[in-house]
Amino acid sequence: MPHIFCIANQKGGVGKTTTTVNLAAGLAQIGQRVLIVDLDPQGNATMGSGVDKRTLAHTVYDVLLEDVSIAEARQPSPKGGYDVLGANRELSGAEIELVNLERRDRRLKTAIETAANDYDFVLIDCPPSLSLLTLNGLTCAHGVIVPMQCEYFALEGLTDLVNTVKQVHANLNRELQLIGLLRVMFDPRITLQQQVSDQLKGHFGDKVFNTVIPRNVRLAEAPSHGMPGVVFDRSSKGAQAFIEFAQELVERVKGGKLK
């Protein structure tokens, strides 16, 4: 069974998709078999992986409706070295269609089980809202990785997410846990960011990943070229940080330090 992680934060614009795509590429570069599941109707993780969401014959939408399997719908990222279960605007309609269906919150879990032997890691890019799509992600995941900026309002959003994880753990998925907090777009020259970083470490301890992702122009430029920043400019500080993060995550998984 692969390690299934949701990349989630109920606050928008915190780098969830950037984290998902670059973590996938980083894991692929150190020999892991990876699938990205794009659960955001905007399809940014799909496009950022070099897969054109407008030309997809099948998407995660079709998988959730159980019309096709993951094996039929997935696409290889041309340069990322991993597979993508893509999304486009069709997915926004899935919310309404899923409401009246059986096992509406477990459909992704069932689908991933059919492809379990193909991957070491499944990374799920969740939309910022707590919707049926996000719920499908949380119900099948072993844990949640939270990318966050070290800013005041980010702490408020984090409280909401921690409560959501607790509720899903209690009612739908006993395996779900908060895996860790990843500090992203970090600028050590800004005093407030350093203070919030210290607060996070003080409160969450080893739940805060050691790796810090710096604010980096090359990471921001990469999606317009249809590839992860890790591939676009491997020598950049941002790319190096994501490869380091991938290694840290694998070490935590192998060392059983995710409890």
C-alpha atoms as a PDB file:
ATOM      1  CA  MET A   1       0.000   0.000   0.000  1.00  0.00           C
ATOM      2  CA  PRO A   2       1.423   3.418  -0.883  1.00  0.00           C
ATOM      3  CA  HIS A   3       1.784   6.233   1.623  1.00  0.00           C
ATOM      4  CA  ILE A   4      -1.141   8.543   0.895  1.00  0.00           C
ATOM      5  CA  PHE A   5      -0.787  12.182   1.937  1.00  0.00           C
ATOM      6  CA  CYS A   6      -3.127  15.113   1.447  1.00  0.00           C
ATOM      7  CA  ILE A   7      -1.466  18.464   0.861  1.00  0.00           C
ATOM      8  CA  ALA A   8      -4.024  20.715   2.490  1.00  0.00           C
ATOM      9  CA  ASN A   9      -4.630  24.095   4.036  1.00  0.00           C
ATOM     10  CA  GLN A  10      -8.000  25.815   4.348  1.00  0.00           C
ATOM     11  CA  LYS A  11      -6.300  29.108   3.595  1.00  0.00           C
ATOM     12  CA  GLY A  12      -5.791  29.805  -0.111  1.00  0.00           C
ATOM     13  CA  GLY A  13      -2.591  30.994  -1.742  1.00  0.00           C
ATOM     14  CA  VAL A  14      -0.186  29.252   0.612  1.00  0.00           C
ATOM     15  CA  GLY A  15       1.637  27.131  -1.947  1.00  0.00           C
ATOM     16  CA  LYS A  16      -0.286  23.834  -1.767  1.00  0.00           C
ATOM     17  CA  THR A  17       0.023  23.094  -5.472  1.00  0.00           C
ATOM     18  CA  THR A  18       3.658  24.216  -5.634  1.00  0.00           C
ATOM     19  CA  THR A  19       4.370  21.894  -2.719  1.00  0.00           C
ATOM     20  CA  THR A  20       2.485  18.953  -4.255  1.00  0.00           C
ATOM     21  CA  VAL A  21       4.155  19.201  -7.662  1.00  0.00           C
ATOM     22  CA  ASN A  22       7.681  19.785  -6.393  1.00  0.00           C
ATOM     23  CA  LEU A  23       7.466  17.176  -3.651  1.00  0.00           C
ATOM     24  CA  ALA A  24       6.314  14.664  -6.284  1.00  0.00           C
ATOM     25  CA  ALA A  25       9.234  15.563  -8.555  1.00  0.00           C
ATOM     26  CA  GLY A  26      11.653  15.460  -5.625  1.00  0.00           C
ATOM     27  CA  LEU A  27      10.420  12.016  -4.574  1.00  0.00           C
ATOM     28  CA  ALA A  28      10.689  10.800  -8.178  1.00  0.00           C
ATOM     29  CA  GLN A  29      14.288  12.008  -8.360  1.00  0.00           C
ATOM     30  CA  ILE A  30      15.233   9.891  -5.353  1.00  0.00           C
ATOM     31  CA  GLY A  31      13.665   6.765  -6.855  1.00  0.00           C
ATOM     32  CA  GLN A  32      10.107   6.778  -5.532  1.00  0.00           C
ATOM     33  CA  ARG A  33       7.044   5.898  -7.634  1.00  0.00           C
ATOM     34  CA  VAL A  34       4.574   8.768  -7.241  1.00  0.00           C
ATOM     35  CA  LEU A  35       1.002   9.610  -8.239  1.00  0.00           C
ATOM     36  CA  ILE A  36      -0.470  13.099  -7.908  1.00  0.00           C
ATOM     37  CA  VAL A  37      -4.256  13.250  -7.529  1.00  0.00           C
ATOM     38  CA  ASP A  38      -5.476  16.724  -8.487  1.00  0.00           C
ATOM     39  CA  LEU A  39      -8.680  17.339  -6.510  1.00  0.00           C
ATOM     40  CA  ASP A  40      -8.868  21.052  -7.324  1.00  0.00           C
ATOM     41  CA  PRO A  41     -11.197  21.992 -10.224  1.00  0.00           C
ATOM     42  CA  GLN A  42      -8.712  24.697 -11.213  1.00  0.00           C
ATOM     43  CA  GLY A  43      -6.376  21.906 -12.341  1.00  0.00           C
ATOM     44  CA  ASN A  44      -3.213  23.790 -11.424  1.00  0.00           C
ATOM     45  CA  ALA A  45      -1.309  20.682 -10.306  1.00  0.00           C
ATOM     46  CA  THR A  46      -2.237  19.069 -13.627  1.00  0.00           C
ATOM     47  CA  MET A  47      -0.953  21.995 -15.703  1.00  0.00           C
ATOM     48  CA  GLY A  48       2.073  22.493 -13.453  1.00  0.00           C
ATOM     49  CA  SER A  49       3.042  18.904 -14.179  1.00  0.00           C
ATOM     50  CA  GLY A  50       3.032  19.563 -17.925  1.00  0.00           C
ATOM     51  CA  VAL A  51      -0.314  17.829 -18.591  1.00  0.00           C
ATOM     52  CA  ASP A  52      -2.863  19.872 -20.579  1.00  0.00           C
ATOM     53  CA  LYS A  53      -6.110  19.748 -18.592  1.00  0.00           C
ATOM     54  CA  ARG A  54      -8.108  20.869 -21.659  1.00  0.00           C
ATOM     55  CA  THR A  55      -7.279  17.764 -23.687  1.00  0.00           C
ATOM     56  CA  LEU A  56      -7.719  15.055 -21.064  1.00  0.00           C
ATOM     57  CA  ALA A  57      -9.950  12.182 -22.169  1.00  0.00           C
ATOM     58  CA  HIS A  58     -10.538  11.162 -18.535  1.00  0.00           C
ATOM     59  CA  THR A  59      -9.990  12.977 -15.235  1.00  0.00           C
ATOM     60  CA  VAL A  60     -10.393  12.392 -11.515  1.00  0.00           C
ATOM     61  CA  TYR A  61     -14.040  13.382 -12.088  1.00  0.00           C
ATOM     62  CA  ASP A  62     -14.622  10.197 -14.119  1.00  0.00           C
ATOM     63  CA  VAL A  63     -12.783   8.148 -11.489  1.00  0.00           C
ATOM     64  CA  LEU A  64     -14.984   9.516  -8.681  1.00  0.00           C
ATOM     65  CA  LEU A  65     -18.098   8.640 -10.670  1.00  0.00           C
ATOM     66  CA  GLU A  66     -16.572   5.167 -11.181  1.00  0.00           C
ATOM     67  CA  ASP A  67     -16.744   5.401 -14.975  1.00  0.00           C
ATOM     68  CA  VAL A  68     -13.013   4.631 -15.371  1.00  0.00           C
ATOM     69  CA  SER A  69     -10.139   3.378 -13.218  1.00  0.00           C
ATOM     70  CA  ILE A  70      -7.027   5.293 -12.186  1.00  0.00           C
ATOM     71  CA  ALA A  71      -5.013   3.145 -14.617  1.00  0.00           C
ATOM     72  CA  GLU A  72      -7.221   4.381 -17.466  1.00  0.00           C
ATOM     73  CA  ALA A  73      -7.246   8.038 -16.435  1.00  0.00           C
ATOM     74  CA  ARG A  74      -3.684   8.745 -15.241  1.00  0.00           C
ATOM     75  CA  GLN A  75      -1.142  10.562 -17.383  1.00  0.00           C
ATOM     76  CA  PRO A  76       2.657  10.662 -17.075  1.00  0.00           C
ATOM     77  CA  SER A  77       4.165  14.044 -16.268  1.00  0.00           C
ATOM     78  CA  PRO A  78       6.406  14.583 -19.332  1.00  0.00           C
ATOM     79  CA  LYS A  79       9.373  15.834 -17.308  1.00  0.00           C
ATOM     80  CA  GLY A  80       8.378  15.297 -13.675  1.00  0.00           C
ATOM     81  CA  GLY A  81       8.934  11.548 -13.543  1.00  0.00           C
ATOM     82  CA  TYR A  82       5.594  10.807 -11.857  1.00  0.00           C
ATOM     83  CA  ASP A  83       1.963  10.141 -12.844  1.00  0.00           C
ATOM     84  CA  VAL A  84      -0.954  12.578 -12.635  1.00  0.00           C
ATOM     85  CA  LEU A  85      -4.633  11.906 -12.145  1.00  0.00           C
ATOM     86  CA  GLY A  86      -5.680  15.210 -13.649  1.00  0.00           C
ATOM     87  CA  ALA A  87      -8.531  17.639 -13.062  1.00  0.00           C
ATOM     88  CA  ASN A  88     -10.321  20.392 -14.941  1.00  0.00           C
ATOM     89  CA  ARG A  89     -13.488  22.462 -14.523  1.00  0.00           C
ATOM     90  CA  GLU A  90     -15.644  19.359 -14.937  1.00  0.00           C
ATOM     91  CA  LEU A  91     -14.673  18.472 -11.392  1.00  0.00           C
ATOM     92  CA  SER A  92     -16.671  21.373  -9.935  1.00  0.00           C
ATOM     93  CA  GLY A  93     -19.814  19.510 -11.012  1.00  0.00           C
ATOM     94  CA  ALA A  94     -18.786  16.432  -9.070  1.00  0.00           C
ATOM     95  CA  GLU A  95     -19.811  18.114  -5.819  1.00  0.00           C
ATOM     96  CA  ILE A  96     -23.463  18.102  -6.846  1.00  0.00           C
ATOM     97  CA  GLU A  97     -23.401  14.660  -8.455  1.00  0.00           C
ATOM     98  CA  LEU A  98     -21.676  12.964  -5.514  1.00  0.00           C
ATOM     99  CA  VAL A  99     -24.230  14.144  -2.953  1.00  0.00           C
ATOM    100  CA  ASN A 100     -26.814  11.523  -3.896  1.00  0.00           C
ATOM    101  CA  LEU A 101     -24.416   8.650  -4.527  1.00  0.00           C
ATOM    102  CA  GLU A 102     -23.525   5.800  -2.191  1.00  0.00           C
ATOM    103  CA  ARG A 103     -20.088   5.900  -0.518  1.00  0.00           C
ATOM    104  CA  ARG A 104     -19.799   9.481  -1.691  1.00  0.00           C
ATOM    105  CA  ASP A 105     -16.874  10.217   0.652  1.00  0.00           C
ATOM    106  CA  ARG A 106     -14.985   6.937  -0.015  1.00  0.00           C
ATOM    107  CA  ARG A 107     -14.853   6.794  -3.782  1.00  0.00           C
ATOM    108  CA  LEU A 108     -11.267   7.990  -4.087  1.00  0.00           C
ATOM    109  CA  LYS A 109     -10.181   5.486  -1.433  1.00  0.00           C
ATOM    110  CA  THR A 110     -11.729   2.631  -3.440  1.00  0.00           C
ATOM    111  CA  ALA A 111     -10.089   3.843  -6.659  1.00  0.00           C
ATOM    112  CA  ILE A 112      -6.602   4.163  -5.121  1.00  0.00           C
ATOM    113  CA  GLU A 113      -6.826   0.645  -3.702  1.00  0.00           C
ATOM    114  CA  THR A 114      -7.032  -0.697  -7.274  1.00  0.00           C
ATOM    115  CA  ALA A 115      -3.699   0.983  -8.140  1.00  0.00           C
ATOM    116  CA  ALA A 116      -2.018   0.436  -4.790  1.00  0.00           C
ATOM    117  CA  ASN A 117       0.812  -1.737  -6.106  1.00  0.00           C
ATOM    118  CA  ASP A 118       1.883   0.837  -8.689  1.00  0.00           C
ATOM    119  CA  TYR A 119       3.086   3.553  -6.280  1.00  0.00           C
ATOM    120  CA  ASP A 120       5.163   4.279  -3.196  1.00  0.00           C
ATOM    121  CA  PHE A 121       3.508   7.665  -2.586  1.00  0.00           C
ATOM    122  CA  VAL A 122       0.166   9.214  -3.531  1.00  0.00           C
ATOM    123  CA  LEU A 123      -0.001  12.995  -3.062  1.00  0.00           C
ATOM    124  CA  ILE A 124      -3.450  14.588  -3.115  1.00  0.00           C
ATOM    125  CA  ASP A 125      -3.686  18.298  -3.962  1.00  0.00           C
ATOM    126  CA  CYS A 126      -6.803  19.461  -2.097  1.00  0.00           C
ATOM    127  CA  PRO A 127      -8.893  22.577  -2.796  1.00  0.00           C
ATOM    128  CA  PRO A 128      -8.856  25.185  -0.001  1.00  0.00           C
ATOM    129  CA  SER A 129     -12.502  24.629   0.960  1.00  0.00           C
ATOM    130  CA  LEU A 130     -13.748  21.735   3.087  1.00  0.00           C
ATOM    131  CA  SER A 131     -15.883  20.112   0.392  1.00  0.00           C
ATOM    132  CA  LEU A 132     -16.854  16.591  -0.629  1.00  0.00           C
ATOM    133  CA  LEU A 133     -13.728  16.570  -2.786  1.00  0.00           C
ATOM    134  CA  THR A 134     -11.482  17.404   0.167  1.00  0.00           C
ATOM    135  CA  LEU A 135     -13.388  14.882   2.274  1.00  0.00           C
ATOM    136  CA  ASN A 136     -12.650  12.155  -0.305  1.00  0.00           C
ATOM    137  CA  GLY A 137      -8.969  13.040   0.004  1.00  0.00           C
ATOM    138  CA  LEU A 138      -8.944  13.047   3.803  1.00  0.00           C
ATOM    139  CA  THR A 139     -10.924   9.809   4.041  1.00  0.00           C
ATOM    140  CA  CYS A 140      -8.350   7.830   2.059  1.00  0.00           C
ATOM    141  CA  ALA A 141      -5.176   9.518   3.351  1.00  0.00           C
ATOM    142  CA  HIS A 142      -2.782   8.359   6.048  1.00  0.00           C
ATOM    143  CA  GLY A 143      -1.940  11.924   6.880  1.00  0.00           C
ATOM    144  CA  VAL A 144      -1.992  15.615   6.066  1.00  0.00           C
ATOM    145  CA  ILE A 145       1.004  17.725   5.125  1.00  0.00           C
ATOM    146  CA  VAL A 146       0.310  21.408   5.703  1.00  0.00           C
ATOM    147  CA  PRO A 147       2.307  23.968   3.716  1.00  0.00           C
ATOM    148  CA  MET A 148       2.090  27.343   5.413  1.00  0.00           C
ATOM    149  CA  GLN A 149       3.607  30.761   5.354  1.00  0.00           C
ATOM    150  CA  CYS A 150       4.945  32.070   8.625  1.00  0.00           C
ATOM    151  CA  GLU A 151       2.440  34.902   8.933  1.00  0.00           C
ATOM    152  CA  TYR A 152      -0.113  35.807  11.584  1.00  0.00           C
ATOM    153  CA  PHE A 153      -3.276  34.873   9.657  1.00  0.00           C
ATOM    154  CA  ALA A 154      -1.768  31.508   8.705  1.00  0.00           C
ATOM    155  CA  LEU A 155      -1.990  30.471  12.368  1.00  0.00           C
ATOM    156  CA  GLU A 156      -5.753  31.056  12.372  1.00  0.00           C
ATOM    157  CA  GLY A 157      -6.226  28.870   9.301  1.00  0.00           C
ATOM    158  CA  LEU A 158      -4.073  26.182  10.877  1.00  0.00           C
ATOM    159  CA  THR A 159      -6.405  25.933  13.894  1.00  0.00           C
ATOM    160  CA  ASP A 160      -9.363  25.275  11.582  1.00  0.00           C
ATOM    161  CA  LEU A 161      -7.466  22.586   9.688  1.00  0.00           C
ATOM    162  CA  VAL A 162      -6.305  20.796  12.835  1.00  0.00           C
ATOM    163  CA  ASN A 163      -9.934  20.663  14.022  1.00  0.00           C
ATOM    164  CA  THR A 164     -11.023  19.263  10.647  1.00  0.00           C
ATOM    165  CA  VAL A 165      -8.355  16.549  10.807  1.00  0.00           C
ATOM    166  CA  LYS A 166      -9.552  15.600  14.301  1.00  0.00           C
ATOM    167  CA  GLN A 167     -13.176  15.364  13.147  1.00  0.00           C
ATOM    168  CA  VAL A 168     -12.349  13.207  10.115  1.00  0.00           C
ATOM    169  CA  HIS A 169     -10.103  11.022  12.283  1.00  0.00           C
ATOM    170  CA  ALA A 170     -12.923  10.503  14.801  1.00  0.00           C
ATOM    171  CA  ASN A 171     -15.725   9.867  12.310  1.00  0.00           C
ATOM    172  CA  LEU A 172     -14.370   8.644   8.965  1.00  0.00           C
ATOM    173  CA  ASN A 173     -10.710   7.642   8.978  1.00  0.00           C
ATOM    174  CA  ARG A 174      -8.931   6.382  12.084  1.00  0.00           C
ATOM    175  CA  GLU A 175      -5.587   6.383  10.244  1.00  0.00           C
ATOM    176  CA  LEU A 176      -5.639  10.107   9.484  1.00  0.00           C
ATOM    177  CA  GLN A 177      -3.139  12.238  11.347  1.00  0.00           C
ATOM    178  CA  LEU A 178      -1.344  15.530  11.012  1.00  0.00           C
ATOM    179  CA  ILE A 179       1.972  14.466   9.479  1.00  0.00           C
ATOM    180  CA  GLY A 180       3.730  17.786   9.637  1.00  0.00           C
ATOM    181  CA  LEU A 181       3.903  21.492   8.903  1.00  0.00           C
ATOM    182  CA  LEU A 182       6.079  22.678   6.034  1.00  0.00           C
ATOM    183  CA  ARG A 183       7.252  26.277   6.205  1.00  0.00           C
ATOM    184  CA  VAL A 184       7.096  27.706   2.672  1.00  0.00           C
ATOM    185  CA  MET A 185       7.907  31.034   0.991  1.00  0.00           C
ATOM    186  CA  PHE A 186      10.126  31.698   3.973  1.00  0.00           C
ATOM    187  CA  ASP A 187      12.276  34.819   4.236  1.00  0.00           C
ATOM    188  CA  PRO A 188      14.495  34.746   7.346  1.00  0.00           C
ATOM    189  CA  ARG A 189      15.136  38.485   7.017  1.00  0.00           C
ATOM    190  CA  ILE A 190      11.548  39.227   8.068  1.00  0.00           C
ATOM    191  CA  THR A 191      11.360  39.283  11.863  1.00  0.00           C
ATOM    192  CA  LEU A 192       7.674  38.315  12.021  1.00  0.00           C
ATOM    193  CA  GLN A 193       8.262  35.189   9.928  1.00  0.00           C
ATOM    194  CA  GLN A 194      11.062  34.124  12.248  1.00  0.00           C
ATOM    195  CA  GLN A 195       8.809  34.726  15.271  1.00  0.00           C
ATOM    196  CA  VAL A 196       5.918  32.709  13.811  1.00  0.00           C
ATOM    197  CA  SER A 197       8.368  29.933  12.865  1.00  0.00           C
ATOM    198  CA  ASP A 198       9.577  29.806  16.470  1.00  0.00           C
ATOM    199  CA  GLN A 199       5.958  29.723  17.698  1.00  0.00           C
ATOM    200  CA  LEU A 200       5.182  26.796  15.416  1.00  0.00           C
ATOM    201  CA  LYS A 201       8.196  24.834  16.632  1.00  0.00           C
ATOM    202  CA  GLY A 202       7.342  25.640  20.237  1.00  0.00           C
ATOM    203  CA  HIS A 203       3.746  24.458  19.881  1.00  0.00           C
ATOM    204  CA  PHE A 204       4.017  21.574  17.406  1.00  0.00           C
ATOM    205  CA  GLY A 205       7.555  20.359  18.126  1.00  0.00           C
ATOM    206  CA  ASP A 206       8.730  17.636  15.747  1.00  0.00           C
ATOM    207  CA  LYS A 207       5.511  17.967  13.721  1.00  0.00           C
ATOM    208  CA  VAL A 208       7.316  20.890  12.055  1.00  0.00           C
ATOM    209  CA  PHE A 209       9.512  19.574   9.245  1.00  0.00           C
ATOM    210  CA  ASN A 210      13.175  20.509   9.532  1.00  0.00           C
ATOM    211  CA  THR A 211      13.269  21.536   5.873  1.00  0.00           C
ATOM    212  CA  VAL A 212      12.295  25.123   5.104  1.00  0.00           C
ATOM    213  CA  ILE A 213      11.278  26.164   1.578  1.00  0.00           C
ATOM    214  CA  PRO A 214      12.624  29.644   0.803  1.00  0.00           C
ATOM    215  CA  ARG A 215      10.830  32.266  -1.253  1.00  0.00           C
ATOM    216  CA  ASN A 216      12.217  31.569  -4.716  1.00  0.00           C
ATOM    217  CA  VAL A 217      11.580  33.149  -8.122  1.00  0.00           C
ATOM    218  CA  ARG A 218      12.497  30.006 -10.069  1.00  0.00           C
ATOM    219  CA  LEU A 219       9.787  27.988  -8.308  1.00  0.00           C
ATOM    220  CA  ALA A 220       7.261  30.658  -9.258  1.00  0.00           C
ATOM    221  CA  GLU A 221       8.396  30.694 -12.898  1.00  0.00           C
ATOM    222  CA  ALA A 222       8.300  26.921 -13.416  1.00  0.00           C
ATOM    223  CA  PRO A 223       4.503  26.400 -13.843  1.00  0.00           C
ATOM    224  CA  SER A 224       4.442  28.695 -16.892  1.00  0.00           C
ATOM    225  CA  HIS A 225       6.906  26.259 -18.494  1.00  0.00           C
ATOM    226  CA  GLY A 226       4.723  23.251 -17.610  1.00  0.00           C
ATOM    227  CA  MET A 227       7.155  21.597 -15.249  1.00  0.00           C
ATOM    228  CA  PRO A 228       7.997  21.440 -11.542  1.00  0.00           C
ATOM    229  CA  GLY A 229      10.614  23.866 -10.237  1.00  0.00           C
ATOM    230  CA  VAL A 230      12.717  20.874  -9.179  1.00  0.00           C
ATOM    231  CA  VAL A 231      13.095  20.027 -12.881  1.00  0.00           C
ATOM    232  CA  PHE A 232      13.010  23.570 -14.302  1.00  0.00           C
ATOM    233  CA  ASP A 233      16.080  24.678 -12.359  1.00  0.00           C
ATOM    234  CA  ARG A 234      17.472  21.928 -10.158  1.00  0.00           C
ATOM    235  CA  SER A 235      20.292  24.182  -8.946  1.00  0.00           C
ATOM    236  CA  SER A 236      17.944  26.839  -7.524  1.00  0.00           C
ATOM    237  CA  LYS A 237      17.579  27.153  -3.752  1.00  0.00           C
ATOM    238  CA  GLY A 238      13.882  26.289  -3.974  1.00  0.00           C
ATOM    239  CA  ALA A 239      14.501  23.108  -5.967  1.00  0.00           C
ATOM    240  CA  GLN A 240      17.267  22.000  -3.616  1.00  0.00           C
ATOM    241  CA  ALA A 241      14.970  22.580  -0.636  1.00  0.00           C
ATOM    242  CA  PHE A 242      12.214  20.418  -2.119  1.00  0.00           C
ATOM    243  CA  ILE A 243      14.633  17.564  -2.850  1.00  0.00           C
ATOM    244  CA  GLU A 244      15.817  17.858   0.754  1.00  0.00           C
ATOM    245  CA  PHE A 245      12.167  17.784   1.895  1.00  0.00           C
ATOM    246  CA  ALA A 246      11.482  14.661  -0.187  1.00  0.00           C
ATOM    247  CA  GLN A 247      14.456  12.949   1.484  1.00  0.00           C
ATOM    248  CA  GLU A 248      13.260  14.029   4.941  1.00  0.00           C
ATOM    249  CA  LEU A 249       9.762  12.670   4.254  1.00  0.00           C
ATOM    250  CA  VAL A 250      11.117   9.294   3.066  1.00  0.00           C
ATOM    251  CA  GLU A 251      13.346   9.085   6.140  1.00  0.00           C
ATOM    252  CA  ARG A 252      10.384   9.803   8.428  1.00  0.00           C
ATOM    253  CA  VAL A 253       8.281   7.163   6.693  1.00  0.00           C
ATOM    254  CA  LYS A 254      11.046   4.531   6.863  1.00  0.00           C
ATOM    255  CA  GLY A 255      11.868   5.415  10.443  1.00  0.00           C
ATOM    256  CA  GLY A 256       8.245   5.164  11.536  1.00  0.00           C
ATOM    257  CA  LYS A 257       8.366   8.734  12.839  1.00  0.00           C
ATOM    258  CA  LEU A 258       4.970   9.774  11.506  1.00  0.00           C
ATOM    259  CA  LYS A 259       2.967   8.807  14.569  1.00  0.00           C
END
